[in-house]
PDB file of all heavy atoms in Angstrom:
ATOM      1  N   VAL A   1     -47.291 -15.102 -30.868  1.00  0.00           N
ATOM      2  CA  VAL A   1     -48.646 -14.566 -31.036  1.00  0.00           C
ATOM      3  C   VAL A   1     -48.932 -13.501 -29.972  1.00  0.00           C
ATOM      4  O   VAL A   1     -49.408 -12.397 -30.276  1.00  0.00           O
ATOM      5  CB  VAL A   1     -49.688 -15.697 -30.953  1.00  0.00           C
ATOM      6  CG1 VAL A   1     -51.108 -15.125 -30.960  1.00  0.00           C
ATOM      7  CG2 VAL A   1     -49.504 -16.658 -32.114  1.00  0.00           C
ATOM      8  N   ILE A   2     -48.624 -13.836 -28.722  1.00  0.00           N
ATOM      9  CA  ILE A   2     -48.867 -12.881 -27.631  1.00  0.00           C
ATOM     10  C   ILE A   2     -47.998 -11.640 -27.813  1.00  0.00           C
ATOM     11  O   ILE A   2     -48.442 -10.508 -27.581  1.00  0.00           O
ATOM     12  CB  ILE A   2     -48.594 -13.552 -26.266  1.00  0.00           C
ATOM     13  CG1 ILE A   2     -49.599 -14.675 -26.033  1.00  0.00           C
ATOM     14  CG2 ILE A   2     -48.683 -12.528 -25.138  1.00  0.00           C
ATOM     15  CD1 ILE A   2     -49.315 -15.511 -24.794  1.00  0.00           C
ATOM     16  N   GLY A   3     -46.748 -11.839 -28.239  1.00  0.00           N
ATOM     17  CA  GLY A   3     -45.861 -10.705 -28.466  1.00  0.00           C
ATOM     18  C   GLY A   3     -46.390  -9.786 -29.559  1.00  0.00           C
ATOM     19  O   GLY A   3     -46.297  -8.557 -29.445  1.00  0.00           O
ATOM     20  N   HIS A   4     -46.944 -10.383 -30.608  1.00  0.00           N
ATOM     21  CA  HIS A   4     -47.521  -9.566 -31.681  1.00  0.00           C
ATOM     22  C   HIS A   4     -48.696  -8.737 -31.164  1.00  0.00           C
ATOM     23  O   HIS A   4     -48.802  -7.539 -31.462  1.00  0.00           O
ATOM     24  CB  HIS A   4     -47.968 -10.470 -32.824  1.00  0.00           C
ATOM     25  CG  HIS A   4     -48.673  -9.745 -33.934  1.00  0.00           C
ATOM     26  ND1 HIS A   4     -48.022  -8.908 -34.805  1.00  0.00           N
ATOM     27  CD2 HIS A   4     -49.990  -9.713 -34.282  1.00  0.00           C
ATOM     28  CE1 HIS A   4     -48.894  -8.394 -35.654  1.00  0.00           C
ATOM     29  NE2 HIS A   4     -50.087  -8.863 -35.362  1.00  0.00           N
ATOM     30  N   LEU A   5     -49.564  -9.394 -30.382  1.00  0.00           N
ATOM     31  CA  LEU A   5     -50.719  -8.668 -29.835  1.00  0.00           C
ATOM     32  C   LEU A   5     -50.266  -7.550 -28.898  1.00  0.00           C
ATOM     33  O   LEU A   5     -50.816  -6.440 -28.920  1.00  0.00           O
ATOM     34  CB  LEU A   5     -51.641  -9.651 -29.097  1.00  0.00           C
ATOM     35  CG  LEU A   5     -52.299 -10.735 -29.967  1.00  0.00           C
ATOM     36  CD1 LEU A   5     -53.100 -11.687 -29.103  1.00  0.00           C
ATOM     37  CD2 LEU A   5     -53.193 -10.098 -31.027  1.00  0.00           C
ATOM     38  N   LEU A   6     -49.271  -7.839 -28.067  1.00  0.00           N
ATOM     39  CA  LEU A   6     -48.766  -6.817 -27.150  1.00  0.00           C
ATOM     40  C   LEU A   6     -48.111  -5.667 -27.913  1.00  0.00           C
ATOM     41  O   LEU A   6     -48.248  -4.498 -27.533  1.00  0.00           O
ATOM     42  CB  LEU A   6     -47.756  -7.441 -26.180  1.00  0.00           C
ATOM     43  CG  LEU A   6     -48.320  -8.375 -25.115  1.00  0.00           C
ATOM     44  CD1 LEU A   6     -47.196  -9.007 -24.312  1.00  0.00           C
ATOM     45  CD2 LEU A   6     -49.267  -7.639 -24.184  1.00  0.00           C
ATOM     46  N   THR A   7     -47.409  -6.010 -28.986  1.00  0.00           N
ATOM     47  CA  THR A   7     -46.758  -4.970 -29.782  1.00  0.00           C
ATOM     48  C   THR A   7     -47.783  -4.037 -30.414  1.00  0.00           C
ATOM     49  O   THR A   7     -47.628  -2.812 -30.399  1.00  0.00           O
ATOM     50  CB  THR A   7     -45.892  -5.609 -30.881  1.00  0.00           C
ATOM     51  OG1 THR A   7     -44.931  -6.473 -30.272  1.00  0.00           O
ATOM     52  CG2 THR A   7     -45.163  -4.544 -31.676  1.00  0.00           C
ATOM     53  N   VAL A   8     -48.848  -4.644 -30.966  1.00  0.00           N
ATOM     54  CA  VAL A   8     -49.913  -3.827 -31.557  1.00  0.00           C
ATOM     55  C   VAL A   8     -50.528  -2.914 -30.500  1.00  0.00           C
ATOM     56  O   VAL A   8     -50.805  -1.731 -30.746  1.00  0.00           O
ATOM     57  CB  VAL A   8     -50.991  -4.736 -32.188  1.00  0.00           C
ATOM     58  CG1 VAL A   8     -52.204  -3.912 -32.620  1.00  0.00           C
ATOM     59  CG2 VAL A   8     -50.413  -5.479 -33.382  1.00  0.00           C
ATOM     60  N   GLN A   9     -50.734  -3.473 -29.314  1.00  0.00           N
ATOM     61  CA  GLN A   9     -51.324  -2.683 -28.230  1.00  0.00           C
ATOM     62  C   GLN A   9     -50.385  -1.571 -27.779  1.00  0.00           C
ATOM     63  O   GLN A   9     -50.825  -0.467 -27.425  1.00  0.00           O
ATOM     64  CB  GLN A   9     -51.653  -3.607 -27.056  1.00  0.00           C
ATOM     65  CG  GLN A   9     -52.424  -2.928 -25.932  1.00  0.00           C
ATOM     66  CD  GLN A   9     -52.808  -3.904 -24.842  1.00  0.00           C
ATOM     67  OE1 GLN A   9     -52.447  -5.069 -24.890  1.00  0.00           O
ATOM     68  NE2 GLN A   9     -53.541  -3.429 -23.863  1.00  0.00           N
ATOM     69  N   LEU A  10     -49.081  -1.823 -27.792  1.00  0.00           N
ATOM     70  CA  LEU A  10     -48.115  -0.804 -27.389  1.00  0.00           C
ATOM     71  C   LEU A  10     -47.981   0.298 -28.436  1.00  0.00           C
ATOM     72  O   LEU A  10     -47.800   1.473 -28.095  1.00  0.00           O
ATOM     73  CB  LEU A  10     -46.739  -1.449 -27.151  1.00  0.00           C
ATOM     74  CG  LEU A  10     -46.591  -2.325 -25.902  1.00  0.00           C
ATOM     75  CD1 LEU A  10     -45.268  -3.050 -25.919  1.00  0.00           C
ATOM     76  CD2 LEU A  10     -46.720  -1.492 -24.628  1.00  0.00           C
ATOM     77  N   ILE A  11     -48.065  -0.088 -29.709  1.00  0.00           N
ATOM     78  CA  ILE A  11     -47.870   0.882 -30.784  1.00  0.00           C
ATOM     79  C   ILE A  11     -49.101   1.742 -31.002  1.00  0.00           C
ATOM     80  O   ILE A  11     -48.993   2.906 -31.408  1.00  0.00           O
ATOM     81  CB  ILE A  11     -47.493   0.143 -32.083  1.00  0.00           C
ATOM     82  CG1 ILE A  11     -46.158  -0.585 -31.917  1.00  0.00           C
ATOM     83  CG2 ILE A  11     -47.401   1.105 -33.257  1.00  0.00           C
ATOM     84  CD1 ILE A  11     -44.995   0.338 -31.644  1.00  0.00           C
ATOM     85  N   ARG A  12     -50.291   1.210 -30.691  1.00  0.00           N
ATOM     86  CA  ARG A  12     -51.533   1.932 -30.970  1.00  0.00           C
ATOM     87  C   ARG A  12     -51.560   3.331 -30.340  1.00  0.00           C
ATOM     88  O   ARG A  12     -51.926   4.310 -31.017  1.00  0.00           O
ATOM     89  CB  ARG A  12     -52.734   1.112 -30.502  1.00  0.00           C
ATOM     90  CG  ARG A  12     -54.078   1.755 -30.917  1.00  0.00           C
ATOM     91  CD  ARG A  12     -55.265   0.972 -30.399  1.00  0.00           C
ATOM     92  NE  ARG A  12     -55.285  -0.360 -30.977  1.00  0.00           N
ATOM     93  CZ  ARG A  12     -55.141  -1.481 -30.285  1.00  0.00           C
ATOM     94  NH1 ARG A  12     -54.935  -1.422 -28.970  1.00  0.00           N
ATOM     95  NH2 ARG A  12     -55.193  -2.651 -30.874  1.00  0.00           N
ATOM     96  N   PRO A  13     -51.204   3.511 -29.055  1.00  0.00           N
ATOM     97  CA  PRO A  13     -51.221   4.860 -28.475  1.00  0.00           C
ATOM     98  C   PRO A  13     -50.284   5.832 -29.183  1.00  0.00           C
ATOM     99  O   PRO A  13     -50.600   7.014 -29.320  1.00  0.00           O
ATOM    100  CB  PRO A  13     -50.772   4.631 -27.021  1.00  0.00           C
ATOM    101  CG  PRO A  13     -51.064   3.208 -26.757  1.00  0.00           C
ATOM    102  CD  PRO A  13     -50.861   2.500 -28.043  1.00  0.00           C
ATOM    103  N   ILE A  14     -49.136   5.317 -29.654  1.00  0.00           N
ATOM    104  CA  ILE A  14     -48.193   6.199 -30.351  1.00  0.00           C
ATOM    105  C   ILE A  14     -48.781   6.656 -31.676  1.00  0.00           C
ATOM    106  O   ILE A  14     -48.652   7.829 -32.061  1.00  0.00           O
ATOM    107  CB  ILE A  14     -46.846   5.478 -30.553  1.00  0.00           C
ATOM    108  CG1 ILE A  14     -46.245   5.096 -29.196  1.00  0.00           C
ATOM    109  CG2 ILE A  14     -45.875   6.332 -31.344  1.00  0.00           C
ATOM    110  CD1 ILE A  14     -44.950   4.321 -29.282  1.00  0.00           C
ATOM    111  N   ASN A  15     -49.436   5.732 -32.391  1.00  0.00           N
ATOM    112  CA  ASN A  15     -50.064   6.105 -33.657  1.00  0.00           C
ATOM    113  C   ASN A  15     -51.185   7.125 -33.438  1.00  0.00           C
ATOM    114  O   ASN A  15     -51.321   8.091 -34.200  1.00  0.00           O
ATOM    115  CB  ASN A  15     -50.618   4.867 -34.352  1.00  0.00           C
ATOM    116  CG  ASN A  15     -49.520   3.926 -34.821  1.00  0.00           C
ATOM    117  OD1 ASN A  15     -48.393   4.373 -35.090  1.00  0.00           O
ATOM    118  ND2 ASN A  15     -49.810   2.649 -34.925  1.00  0.00           N
ATOM    119  N   LYS A  16     -51.986   6.914 -32.395  1.00  0.00           N
ATOM    120  CA  LYS A  16     -53.056   7.872 -32.095  1.00  0.00           C
ATOM    121  C   LYS A  16     -52.473   9.218 -31.696  1.00  0.00           C
ATOM    122  O   LYS A  16     -53.008  10.266 -32.063  1.00  0.00           O
ATOM    123  CB  LYS A  16     -53.944   7.323 -30.966  1.00  0.00           C
ATOM    124  CG  LYS A  16     -54.833   6.173 -31.394  1.00  0.00           C
ATOM    125  CD  LYS A  16     -55.754   5.762 -30.250  1.00  0.00           C
ATOM    126  CE  LYS A  16     -56.696   4.636 -30.674  1.00  0.00           C
ATOM    127  NZ  LYS A  16     -57.598   4.233 -29.565  1.00  0.00           N
ATOM    128  N   MET A  17     -51.386   9.182 -30.957  1.00  0.00           N
ATOM    129  CA  MET A  17     -50.766  10.429 -30.533  1.00  0.00           C
ATOM    130  C   MET A  17     -50.237  11.205 -31.738  1.00  0.00           C
ATOM    131  O   MET A  17     -50.303  12.431 -31.791  1.00  0.00           O
ATOM    132  CB  MET A  17     -49.629  10.133 -29.559  1.00  0.00           C
ATOM    133  CG  MET A  17     -48.959  11.377 -28.975  1.00  0.00           C
ATOM    134  SD  MET A  17     -47.602  10.935 -27.875  1.00  0.00           S
ATOM    135  CE  MET A  17     -46.446  10.234 -29.051  1.00  0.00           C
ATOM    136  N   ALA A  18     -49.711  10.474 -32.735  1.00  0.00           N
ATOM    137  CA  ALA A  18     -49.203  11.136 -33.931  1.00  0.00           C
ATOM    138  C   ALA A  18     -50.331  11.804 -34.718  1.00  0.00           C
ATOM    139  O   ALA A  18     -50.135  12.849 -35.342  1.00  0.00           O
ATOM    140  CB  ALA A  18     -48.480  10.122 -34.816  1.00  0.00           C
ATOM    141  N   GLU A  19     -51.533  11.190 -34.664  1.00  0.00           N
ATOM    142  CA  GLU A  19     -52.668  11.748 -35.399  1.00  0.00           C
ATOM    143  C   GLU A  19     -53.336  12.877 -34.638  1.00  0.00           C
ATOM    144  O   GLU A  19     -53.889  13.802 -35.254  1.00  0.00           O
ATOM    145  CB  GLU A  19     -53.685  10.640 -35.679  1.00  0.00           C
ATOM    146  CG  GLU A  19     -53.135   9.538 -36.596  1.00  0.00           C
ATOM    147  CD  GLU A  19     -54.110   8.374 -36.730  1.00  0.00           C
ATOM    148  OE1 GLU A  19     -55.195   8.451 -36.089  1.00  0.00           O
ATOM    149  OE2 GLU A  19     -53.793   7.412 -37.451  1.00  0.00           O
ATOM    150  N   HIS A  20     -53.340  12.816 -33.311  1.00  0.00           N
ATOM    151  CA  HIS A  20     -54.036  13.815 -32.490  1.00  0.00           C
ATOM    152  C   HIS A  20     -53.101  14.301 -31.384  1.00  0.00           C
ATOM    153  O   HIS A  20     -53.328  14.050 -30.201  1.00  0.00           O
ATOM    154  CB  HIS A  20     -55.308  13.218 -31.876  1.00  0.00           C
ATOM    155  CG  HIS A  20     -56.202  12.564 -32.897  1.00  0.00           C
ATOM    156  ND1 HIS A  20     -56.972  13.278 -33.765  1.00  0.00           N
ATOM    157  CD2 HIS A  20     -56.418  11.259 -33.173  1.00  0.00           C
ATOM    158  CE1 HIS A  20     -57.655  12.437 -34.546  1.00  0.00           C
ATOM    159  NE2 HIS A  20     -57.324  11.209 -34.208  1.00  0.00           N
ATOM    160  N   LEU A  21     -52.041  14.977 -31.784  1.00  0.00           N
ATOM    161  CA  LEU A  21     -51.025  15.410 -30.828  1.00  0.00           C
ATOM    162  C   LEU A  21     -51.569  16.414 -29.825  1.00  0.00           C
ATOM    163  O   LEU A  21     -51.140  16.454 -28.675  1.00  0.00           O
ATOM    164  CB  LEU A  21     -49.843  16.026 -31.585  1.00  0.00           C
ATOM    165  CG  LEU A  21     -48.607  16.363 -30.754  1.00  0.00           C
ATOM    166  CD1 LEU A  21     -48.038  15.113 -30.105  1.00  0.00           C
ATOM    167  CD2 LEU A  21     -47.552  17.047 -31.620  1.00  0.00           C
ATOM    168  N   ASP A  22     -52.542  17.217 -30.241  1.00  0.00           N
ATOM    169  CA  ASP A  22     -53.081  18.254 -29.360  1.00  0.00           C
ATOM    170  C   ASP A  22     -54.276  17.786 -28.547  1.00  0.00           C
ATOM    171  O   ASP A  22     -54.860  18.560 -27.794  1.00  0.00           O
ATOM    172  CB  ASP A  22     -53.495  19.483 -30.192  1.00  0.00           C
ATOM    173  CG  ASP A  22     -52.299  20.121 -30.879  1.00  0.00           C
ATOM    174  OD1 ASP A  22     -51.201  20.035 -30.297  1.00  0.00           O
ATOM    175  OD2 ASP A  22     -52.465  20.676 -31.980  1.00  0.00           O
ATOM    176  N   HIS A  23     -54.674  16.525 -28.703  1.00  0.00           N
ATOM    177  CA  HIS A  23     -55.849  16.013 -27.989  1.00  0.00           C
ATOM    178  C   HIS A  23     -55.506  14.668 -27.347  1.00  0.00           C
ATOM    179  O   HIS A  23     -56.076  13.635 -27.688  1.00  0.00           O
ATOM    180  CB  HIS A  23     -57.047  15.856 -28.943  1.00  0.00           C
ATOM    181  CG  HIS A  23     -57.447  17.134 -29.617  1.00  0.00           C
ATOM    182  ND1 HIS A  23     -56.862  17.577 -30.782  1.00  0.00           N
ATOM    183  CD2 HIS A  23     -58.359  18.082 -29.252  1.00  0.00           C
ATOM    184  CE1 HIS A  23     -57.412  18.727 -31.149  1.00  0.00           C
ATOM    185  NE2 HIS A  23     -58.311  19.065 -30.234  1.00  0.00           N
ATOM    186  N   ILE A  24     -54.536  14.683 -26.442  1.00  0.00           N
ATOM    187  CA  ILE A  24     -54.101  13.458 -25.770  1.00  0.00           C
ATOM    188  C   ILE A  24     -54.750  13.373 -24.400  1.00  0.00           C
ATOM    189  O   ILE A  24     -54.681  14.321 -23.610  1.00  0.00           O
ATOM    190  CB  ILE A  24     -52.564  13.419 -25.629  1.00  0.00           C
ATOM    191  CG1 ILE A  24     -51.932  13.430 -27.025  1.00  0.00           C
ATOM    192  CG2 ILE A  24     -52.130  12.203 -24.849  1.00  0.00           C
ATOM    193  CD1 ILE A  24     -50.430  13.444 -26.982  1.00  0.00           C
ATOM    194  N   ASP A  25     -55.365  12.233 -24.136  1.00  0.00           N
ATOM    195  CA  ASP A  25     -55.963  11.997 -22.827  1.00  0.00           C
ATOM    196  C   ASP A  25     -54.853  11.636 -21.844  1.00  0.00           C
ATOM    197  O   ASP A  25     -54.238  10.570 -21.964  1.00  0.00           O
ATOM    198  CB  ASP A  25     -56.988  10.857 -22.917  1.00  0.00           C
ATOM    199  CG  ASP A  25     -57.728  10.657 -21.598  1.00  0.00           C
ATOM    200  OD1 ASP A  25     -57.412  11.380 -20.632  1.00  0.00           O
ATOM    201  OD2 ASP A  25     -58.615   9.800 -21.536  1.00  0.00           O
ATOM    202  N   PRO A  26     -54.558  12.483 -20.863  1.00  0.00           N
ATOM    203  CA  PRO A  26     -53.436  12.202 -19.948  1.00  0.00           C
ATOM    204  C   PRO A  26     -53.654  10.954 -19.108  1.00  0.00           C
ATOM    205  O   PRO A  26     -52.711  10.339 -18.648  1.00  0.00           O
ATOM    206  CB  PRO A  26     -53.349  13.468 -19.080  1.00  0.00           C
ATOM    207  CG  PRO A  26     -54.708  14.092 -19.171  1.00  0.00           C
ATOM    208  CD  PRO A  26     -55.227  13.756 -20.538  1.00  0.00           C
ATOM    209  N   MET A  27     -54.918  10.567 -18.884  1.00  0.00           N
ATOM    210  CA  MET A  27     -55.178   9.357 -18.104  1.00  0.00           C
ATOM    211  C   MET A  27     -54.895   8.100 -18.932  1.00  0.00           C
ATOM    212  O   MET A  27     -54.445   7.085 -18.410  1.00  0.00           O
ATOM    213  CB  MET A  27     -56.632   9.353 -17.625  1.00  0.00           C
ATOM    214  CG  MET A  27     -56.954  10.470 -16.646  1.00  0.00           C
ATOM    215  SD  MET A  27     -55.881  10.432 -15.170  1.00  0.00           S
ATOM    216  CE  MET A  27     -56.393   8.876 -14.447  1.00  0.00           C
ATOM    217  N   GLU A  28     -55.178   8.184 -20.233  1.00  0.00           N
ATOM    218  CA  GLU A  28     -54.983   7.017 -21.098  1.00  0.00           C
ATOM    219  C   GLU A  28     -53.524   6.859 -21.511  1.00  0.00           C
ATOM    220  O   GLU A  28     -53.023   5.751 -21.658  1.00  0.00           O
ATOM    221  CB  GLU A  28     -55.850   7.151 -22.344  1.00  0.00           C
ATOM    222  CG  GLU A  28     -55.790   5.935 -23.275  1.00  0.00           C
ATOM    223  CD  GLU A  28     -56.695   6.088 -24.480  1.00  0.00           C
ATOM    224  OE1 GLU A  28     -57.361   7.146 -24.599  1.00  0.00           O
ATOM    225  OE2 GLU A  28     -56.745   5.153 -25.286  1.00  0.00           O
ATOM    226  N   TYR A  29     -52.831   7.983 -21.707  1.00  0.00           N
ATOM    227  CA  TYR A  29     -51.456   7.948 -22.179  1.00  0.00           C
ATOM    228  C   TYR A  29     -50.530   8.624 -21.168  1.00  0.00           C
ATOM    229  O   TYR A  29     -49.718   9.483 -21.525  1.00  0.00           O
ATOM    230  CB  TYR A  29     -51.351   8.651 -23.534  1.00  0.00           C
ATOM    231  CG  TYR A  29     -52.310   8.127 -24.566  1.00  0.00           C
ATOM    232  CD1 TYR A  29     -53.335   8.927 -25.059  1.00  0.00           C
ATOM    233  CD2 TYR A  29     -52.201   6.829 -25.038  1.00  0.00           C
ATOM    234  CE1 TYR A  29     -54.222   8.449 -26.009  1.00  0.00           C
ATOM    235  CE2 TYR A  29     -53.077   6.335 -25.982  1.00  0.00           C
ATOM    236  CZ  TYR A  29     -54.092   7.147 -26.465  1.00  0.00           C
ATOM    237  OH  TYR A  29     -54.954   6.656 -27.398  1.00  0.00           O
ATOM    238  N   ARG A  30     -50.654   8.272 -19.917  1.00  0.00           N
ATOM    239  CA  ARG A  30     -49.870   8.930 -18.869  1.00  0.00           C
ATOM    240  C   ARG A  30     -48.373   8.750 -19.099  1.00  0.00           C
ATOM    241  O   ARG A  30     -47.595   9.688 -18.932  1.00  0.00           O
ATOM    242  CB  ARG A  30     -50.265   8.357 -17.512  1.00  0.00           C
ATOM    243  CG  ARG A  30     -49.555   9.008 -16.343  1.00  0.00           C
ATOM    244  CD  ARG A  30     -50.065   8.429 -15.036  1.00  0.00           C
ATOM    245  NE  ARG A  30     -51.517   8.609 -14.902  1.00  0.00           N
ATOM    246  CZ  ARG A  30     -52.239   8.040 -13.931  1.00  0.00           C
ATOM    247  NH1 ARG A  30     -51.656   7.260 -13.047  1.00  0.00           N
ATOM    248  NH2 ARG A  30     -53.537   8.249 -13.877  1.00  0.00           N
ATOM    249  N   GLU A  31     -47.942   7.547 -19.497  1.00  0.00           N
ATOM    250  CA  GLU A  31     -46.524   7.302 -19.708  1.00  0.00           C
ATOM    251  C   GLU A  31     -45.979   8.065 -20.914  1.00  0.00           C
ATOM    252  O   GLU A  31     -44.789   8.377 -20.983  1.00  0.00           O
ATOM    253  CB  GLU A  31     -46.263   5.796 -19.903  1.00  0.00           C
ATOM    254  CG  GLU A  31     -46.533   4.938 -18.675  1.00  0.00           C
ATOM    255  CD  GLU A  31     -48.012   4.615 -18.514  1.00  0.00           C
ATOM    256  OE1 GLU A  31     -48.793   5.037 -19.400  1.00  0.00           O
ATOM    257  OE2 GLU A  31     -48.380   3.963 -17.520  1.00  0.00           O
ATOM    258  N   LEU A  32     -46.869   8.368 -21.876  1.00  0.00           N
ATOM    259  CA  LEU A  32     -46.434   9.061 -23.087  1.00  0.00           C
ATOM    260  C   LEU A  32     -46.537  10.577 -22.971  1.00  0.00           C
ATOM    261  O   LEU A  32     -46.141  11.289 -23.897  1.00  0.00           O
ATOM    262  CB  LEU A  32     -47.268   8.590 -24.284  1.00  0.00           C
ATOM    263  CG  LEU A  32     -47.108   7.125 -24.690  1.00  0.00           C
ATOM    264  CD1 LEU A  32     -48.064   6.790 -25.824  1.00  0.00           C
ATOM    265  CD2 LEU A  32     -45.683   6.829 -25.098  1.00  0.00           C
ATOM    266  N   GLU A  33     -47.105  11.076 -21.869  1.00  0.00           N
ATOM    267  CA  GLU A  33     -47.313  12.511 -21.734  1.00  0.00           C
ATOM    268  C   GLU A  33     -46.005  13.305 -21.816  1.00  0.00           C
ATOM    269  O   GLU A  33     -45.937  14.323 -22.529  1.00  0.00           O
ATOM    270  CB  GLU A  33     -48.043  12.810 -20.424  1.00  0.00           C
ATOM    271  CG  GLU A  33     -48.463  14.265 -20.267  1.00  0.00           C
ATOM    272  CD  GLU A  33     -49.476  14.703 -21.301  1.00  0.00           C
ATOM    273  OE1 GLU A  33     -50.194  13.837 -21.843  1.00  0.00           O
ATOM    274  OE2 GLU A  33     -49.527  15.910 -21.587  1.00  0.00           O
ATOM    275  N   PRO A  34     -44.918  12.899 -21.119  1.00  0.00           N
ATOM    276  CA  PRO A  34     -43.648  13.644 -21.263  1.00  0.00           C
ATOM    277  C   PRO A  34     -43.141  13.639 -22.705  1.00  0.00           C
ATOM    278  O   PRO A  34     -42.624  14.642 -23.201  1.00  0.00           O
ATOM    279  CB  PRO A  34     -42.686  12.898 -20.326  1.00  0.00           C
ATOM    280  CG  PRO A  34     -43.565  12.206 -19.349  1.00  0.00           C
ATOM    281  CD  PRO A  34     -44.799  11.833 -20.105  1.00  0.00           C
ATOM    282  N   PHE A  35     -43.290  12.473 -23.351  1.00  0.00           N
ATOM    283  CA  PHE A  35     -42.873  12.370 -24.749  1.00  0.00           C
ATOM    284  C   PHE A  35     -43.702  13.297 -25.628  1.00  0.00           C
ATOM    285  O   PHE A  35     -43.167  13.988 -26.514  1.00  0.00           O
ATOM    286  CB  PHE A  35     -43.024  10.922 -25.203  1.00  0.00           C
ATOM    287  CG  PHE A  35     -42.666  10.674 -26.639  1.00  0.00           C
ATOM    288  CD1 PHE A  35     -41.404  10.959 -27.111  1.00  0.00           C
ATOM    289  CD2 PHE A  35     -43.603  10.159 -27.516  1.00  0.00           C
ATOM    290  CE1 PHE A  35     -41.076  10.734 -28.435  1.00  0.00           C
ATOM    291  CE2 PHE A  35     -43.282   9.937 -28.842  1.00  0.00           C
ATOM    292  CZ  PHE A  35     -42.006  10.216 -29.298  1.00  0.00           C
ATOM    293  N   ALA A  36     -45.014  13.332 -25.390  1.00  0.00           N
ATOM    294  CA  ALA A  36     -45.893  14.204 -26.164  1.00  0.00           C
ATOM    295  C   ALA A  36     -45.566  15.675 -25.911  1.00  0.00           C
ATOM    296  O   ALA A  36     -45.584  16.496 -26.839  1.00  0.00           O
ATOM    297  CB  ALA A  36     -47.353  13.916 -25.815  1.00  0.00           C
ATOM    298  N   ASP A  37     -45.269  16.020 -24.649  1.00  0.00           N
ATOM    299  CA  ASP A  37     -44.904  17.404 -24.332  1.00  0.00           C
ATOM    300  C   ASP A  37     -43.636  17.809 -25.073  1.00  0.00           C
ATOM    301  O   ASP A  37     -43.528  18.934 -25.577  1.00  0.00           O
ATOM    302  CB  ASP A  37     -44.690  17.558 -22.824  1.00  0.00           C
ATOM    303  CG  ASP A  37     -46.003  17.451 -22.047  1.00  0.00           C
ATOM    304  OD1 ASP A  37     -47.066  17.650 -22.671  1.00  0.00           O
ATOM    305  OD2 ASP A  37     -45.955  17.174 -20.834  1.00  0.00           O
ATOM    306  N   LYS A  38     -42.683  16.895 -25.134  1.00  0.00           N
ATOM    307  CA  LYS A  38     -41.438  17.185 -25.840  1.00  0.00           C
ATOM    308  C   LYS A  38     -41.701  17.406 -27.324  1.00  0.00           C
ATOM    309  O   LYS A  38     -41.160  18.346 -27.938  1.00  0.00           O
ATOM    310  CB  LYS A  38     -40.455  16.018 -25.646  1.00  0.00           C
ATOM    311  CG  LYS A  38     -39.078  16.264 -26.230  1.00  0.00           C
ATOM    312  CD  LYS A  38     -38.344  17.350 -25.499  1.00  0.00           C
ATOM    313  CE  LYS A  38     -36.917  17.485 -25.987  1.00  0.00           C
ATOM    314  NZ  LYS A  38     -36.182  18.566 -25.309  1.00  0.00           N
ATOM    315  N   ILE A  39     -42.534  16.550 -27.904  1.00  0.00           N
ATOM    316  CA  ILE A  39     -42.850  16.690 -29.332  1.00  0.00           C
ATOM    317  C   ILE A  39     -43.602  17.987 -29.586  1.00  0.00           C
ATOM    318  O   ILE A  39     -43.333  18.697 -30.563  1.00  0.00           O
ATOM    319  CB  ILE A  39     -43.671  15.478 -29.819  1.00  0.00           C
ATOM    320  CG1 ILE A  39     -42.810  14.212 -29.772  1.00  0.00           C
ATOM    321  CG2 ILE A  39     -44.190  15.716 -31.231  1.00  0.00           C
ATOM    322  CD1 ILE A  39     -43.520  12.961 -30.203  1.00  0.00           C
ATOM    323  N   ARG A  40     -44.564  18.308 -28.701  1.00  0.00           N
ATOM    324  CA  ARG A  40     -45.322  19.547 -28.862  1.00  0.00           C
ATOM    325  C   ARG A  40     -44.381  20.760 -28.790  1.00  0.00           C
ATOM    326  O   ARG A  40     -44.511  21.709 -29.560  1.00  0.00           O
ATOM    327  CB  ARG A  40     -46.402  19.650 -27.790  1.00  0.00           C
ATOM    328  CG  ARG A  40     -47.705  18.948 -28.166  1.00  0.00           C
ATOM    329  CD  ARG A  40     -48.834  19.402 -27.261  1.00  0.00           C
ATOM    330  NE  ARG A  40     -48.623  18.974 -25.890  1.00  0.00           N
ATOM    331  CZ  ARG A  40     -49.182  17.898 -25.344  1.00  0.00           C
ATOM    332  NH1 ARG A  40     -49.993  17.145 -26.064  1.00  0.00           N
ATOM    333  NH2 ARG A  40     -48.943  17.561 -24.105  1.00  0.00           N
ATOM    334  N   SER A  41     -43.450  20.711 -27.835  1.00  0.00           N
ATOM    335  CA  SER A  41     -42.513  21.815 -27.681  1.00  0.00           C
ATOM    336  C   SER A  41     -41.654  21.986 -28.940  1.00  0.00           C
ATOM    337  O   SER A  41     -41.467  23.094 -29.442  1.00  0.00           O
ATOM    338  CB  SER A  41     -41.624  21.575 -26.465  1.00  0.00           C
ATOM    339  OG  SER A  41     -40.633  22.556 -26.354  1.00  0.00           O
ATOM    340  N   GLN A  42     -41.148  20.853 -29.436  1.00  0.00           N
ATOM    341  CA  GLN A  42     -40.334  20.920 -30.650  1.00  0.00           C
ATOM    342  C   GLN A  42     -41.166  21.354 -31.848  1.00  0.00           C
ATOM    343  O   GLN A  42     -40.682  22.077 -32.724  1.00  0.00           O
ATOM    344  CB  GLN A  42     -39.685  19.559 -30.913  1.00  0.00           C
ATOM    345  CG  GLN A  42     -38.645  19.169 -29.872  1.00  0.00           C
ATOM    346  CD  GLN A  42     -38.017  17.823 -30.148  1.00  0.00           C
ATOM    347  OE1 GLN A  42     -38.487  17.080 -31.011  1.00  0.00           O
ATOM    348  NE2 GLN A  42     -36.963  17.494 -29.406  1.00  0.00           N
TER     349      GLN A  42
END
């Protein structure tokens, strides 16, 4: 149960990033910022 909740919480930022790639809050998604920069560049 806890793993499912954690998984949903981990996946949520990625889903939001996919929907709003150009409007990422660097404070909220600091760990994903390099990944987002790479995707934006590509």
